[in-house]
Amino acid sequence: MVTQQKQTRMKHRLTFTGLAIAAFGLAVAAQPAMAQTKVAMLLPGSINDQSWNAQGYAGLMKIKDSGYQVAYSENVPAADHVEAMRDYARQGYKIVIGHSGRFLSAAQRVGPEFPEVQFVAGAGGGGLGKNVMSIDYDNTHFGCQLGVLAARMSKTGKIAGVYALEGLPNMVAQVGSYRLCAKRIKPDIEVSIIYIKDIEDAAAAKEAAFSLIAGGADFVAGKLNAAQAGLIQAAKEKNVFTTGRSFGHTAIAPENVITNVVEKWADMYAATADSVKAGKLSGDLVMYGYNTPATSGAALQQTAERPYHPAVPATVVAELDTYKKMFATGEMKLAPTKDDARGGK
């Protein structure tokens, strides 16, 4: 058993050829010398965003608590993805995680150079060879439930969403399912979607939400990083329902955040790390949902104590549970298209 020691995070710089890394904010969490497996994570934004990047960091910390040596780089720009992954692999990291589908192309480029390293794209859309994999929760399951919830809770018959990264597979899955299942419940409901350019831009998300609310939407969902806070602020100011991605989002507007899609990246990354430690590399896309026994990949939770805002009627909660069961048994399957996830109405 590895003896637990006091652990500290140390800021340091890596030297890349032609790469200005000072902007990365690289941090390393020291681990006991006996730890054999080293895991590195690259994040597109700040670990303090109370959203996507914070969830990735929490996953890395769960891996650390299991005895792995870990390091991470935050605010990694797209231009530096390849060299950052390559540098970690050169340093002997057995698992290199890019916490976004945007890291997939870099992983596919670097993977063949380091065949004994497992490269992972969180929320990626595919893999390559034997050692470049993507993992994600099944966005169709949770996007559908949000669509049902929005359709049942709307009084105006108009619901909306603010998103980014249009066309990315997991966005197509969630946004498309949101629209499909809302219309499954109420065929005449109006669903309006706006895609902003930057998933971190809270001001742009707030402006987009104001526009949708001005058009009559009284439920505005979203799947953003730091920008999610802007969406929630707009919902709070205009007193409409919205969705979040963490309990921190509920804290911003407890009367307006009707539920959060709390993603279980800690469980998904821990399962991946244990598999690699056991000698199993993967080049697949692994999806977790209500139909996977290891973890559902995500959960709908407004707070730690309850899944939904108290305003959600018991009949609607029962209906949402029915959808959960249908996904678990395979009775319900969705394959949204890009048109289903289109911007506009």
Protein backbone atom coordinates (compact mmCIF):
# COMPACT_ATOMS: atom_id res chain seq x y z
CA MET A 1 0.00 0.00 0.00
CA VAL A 2 1.29 3.43 -0.85
CA THR A 3 1.82 5.56 2.24
CA GLN A 4 -0.08 8.83 2.01
CA GLN A 5 2.12 11.89 2.41
CA LYS A 6 1.34 15.59 2.60
CA GLN A 7 0.83 16.73 -1.01
CA THR A 8 1.37 20.16 -2.52
CA ARG A 9 0.67 21.71 -5.89
CA MET A 10 3.65 23.36 -7.52
CA LYS A 11 3.55 25.83 -10.37
CA HIS A 12 6.24 25.19 -12.93
CA ARG A 13 7.04 25.76 -16.57
CA LEU A 14 7.72 23.31 -19.33
CA THR A 15 10.05 24.14 -22.20
CA PHE A 16 8.61 23.46 -25.64
CA THR A 17 10.25 24.22 -28.95
CA GLY A 18 8.76 27.51 -30.10
CA LEU A 19 6.06 27.33 -27.43
CA ALA A 20 5.28 30.11 -24.96
CA ILE A 21 3.98 28.08 -22.03
CA ALA A 22 3.84 30.74 -19.35
CA ALA A 23 0.17 31.20 -20.23
CA PHE A 24 -0.60 27.60 -19.41
CA GLY A 25 -0.48 27.96 -15.62
CA LEU A 26 0.91 24.43 -15.31
CA ALA A 27 0.49 22.87 -11.88
CA VAL A 28 1.73 19.57 -10.54
CA ALA A 29 0.45 17.70 -7.53
CA ALA A 30 3.35 15.81 -5.96
CA GLN A 31 2.74 12.16 -5.15
CA PRO A 32 4.64 9.47 -3.26
CA ALA A 33 7.78 8.28 -5.02
CA MET A 34 6.46 4.71 -5.25
CA ALA A 35 3.57 5.72 -7.50
CA GLN A 36 4.11 4.09 -10.87
CA THR A 37 1.41 5.47 -13.14
CA LYS A 38 1.55 9.16 -14.07
CA VAL A 39 -1.58 10.93 -15.34
CA ALA A 40 -1.64 14.37 -16.94
CA MET A 41 -4.63 16.52 -17.87
CA LEU A 42 -4.91 19.48 -20.23
CA LEU A 43 -7.89 21.79 -19.73
CA PRO A 44 -9.17 24.48 -22.11
CA GLY A 45 -10.15 26.90 -19.33
CA SER A 46 -9.79 27.66 -15.63
CA ILE A 47 -10.28 24.98 -12.98
CA ASN A 48 -12.21 27.59 -10.99
CA ASP A 49 -15.03 28.06 -13.53
CA GLN A 50 -17.59 26.05 -11.46
CA SER A 51 -18.41 24.23 -14.68
CA TRP A 52 -16.66 22.08 -17.26
CA ASN A 53 -13.04 22.66 -16.25
CA ALA A 54 -13.78 22.34 -12.54
CA GLN A 55 -15.37 18.95 -13.22
CA GLY A 56 -12.30 17.78 -15.13
CA TYR A 57 -10.04 18.87 -12.30
CA ALA A 58 -12.25 17.04 -9.77
CA GLY A 59 -11.82 13.91 -11.87
CA LEU A 60 -8.06 14.29 -11.84
CA MET A 61 -8.09 14.73 -8.06
CA LYS A 62 -10.04 11.48 -7.69
CA ILE A 63 -7.34 9.77 -9.73
CA LYS A 64 -4.68 11.34 -7.48
CA ASP A 65 -6.48 10.11 -4.37
CA SER A 66 -6.27 6.59 -5.78
CA GLY A 67 -2.46 6.76 -5.72
CA TYR A 68 -1.56 8.07 -9.15
CA GLN A 69 0.95 10.86 -9.76
CA VAL A 70 -0.84 13.72 -11.51
CA ALA A 71 -0.15 16.99 -13.27
CA TYR A 72 -2.34 19.43 -15.15
CA SER A 73 -2.23 22.45 -17.45
CA GLU A 74 -5.13 24.89 -17.51
CA ASN A 75 -6.10 27.53 -20.11
CA VAL A 76 -4.33 25.59 -22.85
CA PRO A 77 -4.92 27.31 -26.23
CA ALA A 78 -5.70 25.24 -29.31
CA ALA A 79 -2.40 26.13 -30.94
CA ASP A 80 -0.54 24.40 -28.10
CA HIS A 81 -2.56 21.17 -27.81
CA VAL A 82 -0.17 18.99 -29.82
CA GLU A 83 3.07 20.08 -28.19
CA ALA A 84 1.60 20.01 -24.69
CA MET A 85 0.42 16.41 -25.14
CA ARG A 86 3.73 15.44 -26.71
CA ASP A 87 5.71 16.93 -23.82
CA TYR A 88 3.76 15.05 -21.17
CA ALA A 89 4.26 11.81 -23.09
CA ARG A 90 8.00 12.47 -23.29
CA GLN A 91 8.08 12.94 -19.52
CA GLY A 92 6.74 9.46 -18.96
CA TYR A 93 3.07 10.13 -18.33
CA LYS A 94 1.20 6.91 -19.06
CA ILE A 95 -2.19 8.62 -19.48
CA VAL A 96 -2.61 12.03 -21.12
CA ILE A 97 -6.13 13.46 -20.95
CA GLY A 98 -7.43 16.40 -22.95
CA HIS A 99 -10.56 17.52 -21.10
CA SER A 100 -12.55 18.53 -24.17
CA GLY A 101 -13.45 17.13 -27.56
CA ARG A 102 -11.29 19.91 -28.96
CA PHE A 103 -8.22 17.91 -27.90
CA LEU A 104 -9.15 14.88 -30.01
CA SER A 105 -7.38 15.92 -33.21
CA ALA A 106 -4.17 16.63 -31.26
CA ALA A 107 -4.41 13.25 -29.54
CA GLN A 108 -4.88 11.52 -32.91
CA ARG A 109 -1.80 13.29 -34.22
CA VAL A 110 0.43 12.53 -31.23
CA GLY A 111 -0.90 9.06 -30.37
CA PRO A 112 1.03 7.09 -33.01
CA GLU A 113 4.30 8.63 -31.76
CA PHE A 114 3.78 7.14 -28.29
CA PRO A 115 2.05 3.76 -28.74
CA GLU A 116 2.38 2.83 -25.03
CA VAL A 117 0.65 6.00 -23.81
CA GLN A 118 -3.14 6.18 -23.49
CA PHE A 119 -4.45 9.46 -24.90
CA VAL A 120 -7.97 10.39 -23.84
CA ALA A 121 -10.30 13.08 -25.16
CA GLY A 122 -13.02 13.91 -22.66
CA ALA A 123 -16.26 14.50 -24.60
CA GLY A 124 -14.53 13.55 -27.84
CA GLY A 125 -16.26 11.94 -30.76
CA GLY A 126 -14.00 8.99 -31.57
CA GLY A 127 -10.59 7.36 -31.25
CA LEU A 128 -7.65 6.12 -33.31
CA GLY A 129 -5.61 2.95 -33.40
CA LYS A 130 -5.09 1.21 -30.09
CA ASN A 131 -4.29 4.13 -27.79
CA VAL A 132 -6.41 7.21 -28.61
CA MET A 133 -9.86 7.05 -27.05
CA SER A 134 -12.76 9.33 -26.28
CA ILE A 135 -15.07 9.05 -23.29
CA ASP A 136 -18.29 10.90 -22.62
CA TYR A 137 -21.64 10.61 -20.92
CA ASP A 138 -24.54 9.91 -23.24
CA ASN A 139 -25.82 13.40 -23.97
CA THR A 140 -28.95 12.04 -25.64
CA HIS A 141 -30.19 10.67 -22.31
CA PHE A 142 -29.87 13.92 -20.42
CA GLY A 143 -30.69 16.28 -23.27
CA CYS A 144 -33.95 14.38 -23.74
CA GLN A 145 -34.86 14.64 -20.07
CA LEU A 146 -34.19 18.39 -20.13
CA GLY A 147 -36.45 18.70 -23.18
CA VAL A 148 -39.26 16.87 -21.39
CA LEU A 149 -38.75 19.01 -18.30
CA ALA A 150 -38.71 22.26 -20.29
CA ALA A 151 -41.85 21.38 -22.23
CA ARG A 152 -43.75 20.48 -19.06
CA MET A 153 -42.62 23.55 -17.10
CA SER A 154 -43.09 26.19 -19.82
CA LYS A 155 -46.18 28.37 -19.55
CA THR A 156 -45.55 30.35 -22.74
CA GLY A 157 -45.07 27.36 -25.03
CA LYS A 158 -41.63 28.73 -25.93
CA ILE A 159 -38.38 27.21 -24.68
CA ALA A 160 -34.79 27.89 -25.66
CA GLY A 161 -31.12 27.07 -25.23
CA VAL A 162 -27.74 28.80 -25.34
CA TYR A 163 -24.82 26.66 -26.47
CA ALA A 164 -21.42 26.81 -28.19
CA LEU A 165 -19.26 24.54 -30.37
CA GLU A 166 -22.01 24.01 -32.93
CA GLY A 167 -21.64 20.70 -34.75
CA LEU A 168 -19.49 18.99 -32.10
CA PRO A 169 -20.93 15.47 -31.67
CA ASN A 170 -21.82 15.83 -27.99
CA MET A 171 -23.50 19.17 -28.67
CA VAL A 172 -25.50 17.66 -31.51
CA ALA A 173 -26.52 14.84 -29.15
CA GLN A 174 -27.65 17.08 -26.29
CA VAL A 175 -29.20 19.95 -28.24
CA GLY A 176 -30.86 17.65 -30.75
CA SER A 177 -32.33 15.47 -28.02
CA TYR A 178 -33.52 18.53 -26.13
CA ARG A 179 -35.51 19.64 -29.17
CA LEU A 180 -36.74 16.16 -30.17
CA CYS A 181 -38.05 15.24 -26.72
CA ALA A 182 -39.63 18.63 -26.07
CA LYS A 183 -41.59 18.21 -29.30
CA ARG A 184 -42.36 14.61 -28.38
CA ILE A 185 -44.16 15.98 -25.32
CA LYS A 186 -45.72 19.01 -27.01
CA PRO A 187 -45.53 18.92 -30.82
CA ASP A 188 -46.43 22.60 -31.15
CA ILE A 189 -43.86 23.90 -28.68
CA GLU A 190 -41.41 26.48 -30.04
CA VAL A 191 -37.73 25.63 -29.48
CA SER A 192 -35.15 28.36 -30.19
CA ILE A 193 -31.40 27.77 -30.02
CA ILE A 194 -28.55 30.28 -30.10
CA TYR A 195 -24.91 29.25 -30.48
CA ILE A 196 -22.34 31.71 -29.17
CA LYS A 197 -18.77 31.82 -30.48
CA ASP A 198 -16.93 31.26 -27.20
CA ILE A 199 -17.98 28.69 -24.61
CA GLU A 200 -16.18 30.76 -21.95
CA ASP A 201 -17.85 34.12 -22.78
CA ALA A 202 -20.34 34.85 -20.00
CA ALA A 203 -21.30 38.25 -21.43
CA ALA A 204 -22.21 36.73 -24.80
CA ALA A 205 -24.26 33.99 -23.11
CA LYS A 206 -26.13 36.54 -21.04
CA GLU A 207 -26.92 38.65 -24.10
CA ALA A 208 -28.12 35.58 -26.02
CA ALA A 209 -30.34 34.54 -23.12
CA PHE A 210 -31.86 38.02 -22.86
CA SER A 211 -32.69 37.85 -26.56
CA LEU A 212 -34.42 34.49 -26.20
CA ILE A 213 -36.36 35.56 -23.12
CA ALA A 214 -37.45 38.75 -24.90
CA GLY A 215 -38.86 36.46 -27.60
CA GLY A 216 -41.07 34.72 -25.04
CA ALA A 217 -38.94 31.82 -23.80
CA ASP A 218 -39.54 31.06 -20.12
CA PHE A 219 -37.11 28.10 -19.92
CA VAL A 220 -33.55 28.50 -21.24
CA ALA A 221 -31.21 25.51 -21.03
CA GLY A 222 -27.50 25.50 -21.79
CA LYS A 223 -24.25 23.60 -21.88
CA LEU A 224 -21.39 26.06 -21.53
CA ASN A 225 -18.20 26.43 -19.53
CA ALA A 226 -17.54 29.75 -17.78
CA ALA A 227 -20.26 31.23 -20.00
CA GLN A 228 -22.90 29.23 -18.11
CA ALA A 229 -22.77 31.83 -15.34
CA GLY A 230 -23.92 34.51 -17.79
CA LEU A 231 -26.88 32.40 -18.85
CA ILE A 232 -27.87 31.85 -15.22
CA GLN A 233 -27.55 35.54 -14.38
CA ALA A 234 -29.91 36.38 -17.25
CA ALA A 235 -32.45 33.82 -16.04
CA LYS A 236 -32.22 35.23 -12.52
CA GLU A 237 -32.74 38.82 -13.67
CA LYS A 238 -35.72 37.90 -15.86
CA ASN A 239 -37.08 35.24 -13.47
CA VAL A 240 -37.26 32.27 -15.85
CA PHE A 241 -36.13 28.69 -15.38
CA THR A 242 -32.68 27.59 -16.54
CA THR A 243 -30.29 24.66 -16.15
CA GLY A 244 -26.78 24.45 -14.75
CA ARG A 245 -23.82 22.12 -14.58
CA SER A 246 -22.91 22.24 -10.89
CA PHE A 247 -24.28 23.01 -7.45
CA GLY A 248 -22.34 26.26 -7.69
CA HIS A 249 -24.73 27.25 -10.47
CA THR A 250 -27.70 26.52 -8.23
CA ALA A 251 -26.13 28.81 -5.63
CA ILE A 252 -26.12 31.70 -8.12
CA ALA A 253 -29.87 31.49 -8.67
CA PRO A 254 -31.56 28.85 -6.48
CA GLU A 255 -35.04 29.93 -7.57
CA ASN A 256 -34.23 29.70 -11.27
CA VAL A 257 -31.86 26.75 -11.74
CA ILE A 258 -34.38 23.92 -12.05
CA THR A 259 -31.71 21.19 -12.22
CA ASN A 260 -28.08 20.62 -13.14
CA VAL A 261 -26.57 18.02 -15.43
CA VAL A 262 -23.87 17.00 -12.94
CA GLU A 263 -21.31 15.13 -14.99
CA LYS A 264 -19.48 12.26 -13.30
CA TRP A 265 -16.08 12.81 -14.87
CA ALA A 266 -14.37 11.65 -11.71
CA ASP A 267 -15.97 8.21 -12.12
CA MET A 268 -15.37 8.06 -15.87
CA TYR A 269 -11.72 9.10 -15.67
CA ALA A 270 -11.04 6.84 -12.69
CA ALA A 271 -12.44 3.86 -14.60
CA THR A 272 -10.20 4.72 -17.55
CA ALA A 273 -7.10 5.10 -15.38
CA ASP A 274 -7.67 1.76 -13.66
CA SER A 275 -8.12 0.05 -17.01
CA VAL A 276 -4.83 1.45 -18.32
CA LYS A 277 -3.03 0.55 -15.10
CA ALA A 278 -4.23 -3.01 -15.65
CA GLY A 279 -2.55 -2.97 -19.06
CA LYS A 280 -5.55 -2.27 -21.28
CA LEU A 281 -5.25 0.48 -23.90
CA SER A 282 -8.24 1.58 -25.95
CA GLY A 283 -8.89 3.28 -29.26
CA ASP A 284 -12.66 3.43 -28.88
CA LEU A 285 -15.40 5.89 -28.06
CA VAL A 286 -16.79 4.86 -24.67
CA MET A 287 -20.21 6.25 -23.74
CA TYR A 288 -21.69 6.16 -20.24
CA GLY A 289 -25.40 6.55 -19.59
CA TYR A 290 -28.38 5.11 -17.78
CA ASN A 291 -27.66 1.81 -19.55
CA THR A 292 -24.07 1.34 -18.29
CA PRO A 293 -23.56 -0.42 -14.94
CA ALA A 294 -20.19 1.13 -13.98
CA THR A 295 -21.54 4.69 -13.90
CA SER A 296 -24.36 6.62 -15.53
CA GLY A 297 -21.84 9.29 -16.53
CA ALA A 298 -24.05 12.10 -15.23
CA ALA A 299 -27.07 12.80 -13.05
CA LEU A 300 -29.80 15.42 -12.81
CA GLN A 301 -29.41 17.18 -9.46
CA GLN A 302 -30.53 20.64 -8.36
CA THR A 303 -28.78 20.22 -5.01
CA ALA A 304 -27.04 17.34 -3.28
CA GLU A 305 -30.35 16.50 -1.61
CA ARG A 306 -32.78 16.62 -4.54
CA PRO A 307 -32.82 16.20 -8.32
CA TYR A 308 -35.19 19.04 -9.21
CA HIS A 309 -36.47 22.41 -8.04
CA PRO A 310 -39.46 21.99 -5.67
CA ALA A 311 -41.65 23.66 -8.29
CA VAL A 312 -41.46 20.56 -10.50
CA PRO A 313 -44.70 18.59 -9.95
CA ALA A 314 -44.53 14.98 -8.80
CA THR A 315 -46.20 13.87 -12.03
CA VAL A 316 -43.38 15.43 -14.06
CA VAL A 317 -40.74 13.84 -11.83
CA ALA A 318 -42.43 10.46 -12.42
CA GLU A 319 -42.42 11.09 -16.17
CA LEU A 320 -38.70 11.93 -16.11
CA ASP A 321 -38.04 8.72 -14.17
CA THR A 322 -39.93 6.79 -16.84
CA TYR A 323 -37.63 8.18 -19.52
CA LYS A 324 -34.63 7.22 -17.38
CA LYS A 325 -35.91 3.64 -17.20
CA MET A 326 -36.57 3.52 -20.95
CA PHE A 327 -32.98 4.57 -21.65
CA ALA A 328 -31.70 2.01 -19.13
CA THR A 329 -33.56 -0.87 -20.77
CA GLY A 330 -32.87 0.24 -24.34
CA GLU A 331 -36.54 0.82 -25.05
CA MET A 332 -35.74 4.47 -25.79
CA LYS A 333 -32.95 5.29 -28.24
CA LEU A 334 -32.24 8.59 -29.97
CA ALA A 335 -29.95 9.54 -32.85
CA PRO A 336 -30.24 13.33 -33.28
CA THR A 337 -29.04 14.91 -36.50
CA LYS A 338 -27.30 18.23 -37.03
CA ASP A 339 -30.60 19.61 -38.24
CA ASP A 340 -32.23 18.59 -34.96
CA ALA A 341 -29.51 20.59 -33.18
CA ARG A 342 -29.63 23.57 -35.53
CA GLY A 343 -29.48 27.15 -34.38
CA GLY A 344 -32.71 29.12 -34.62
CA LYS A 345 -36.21 27.62 -34.41
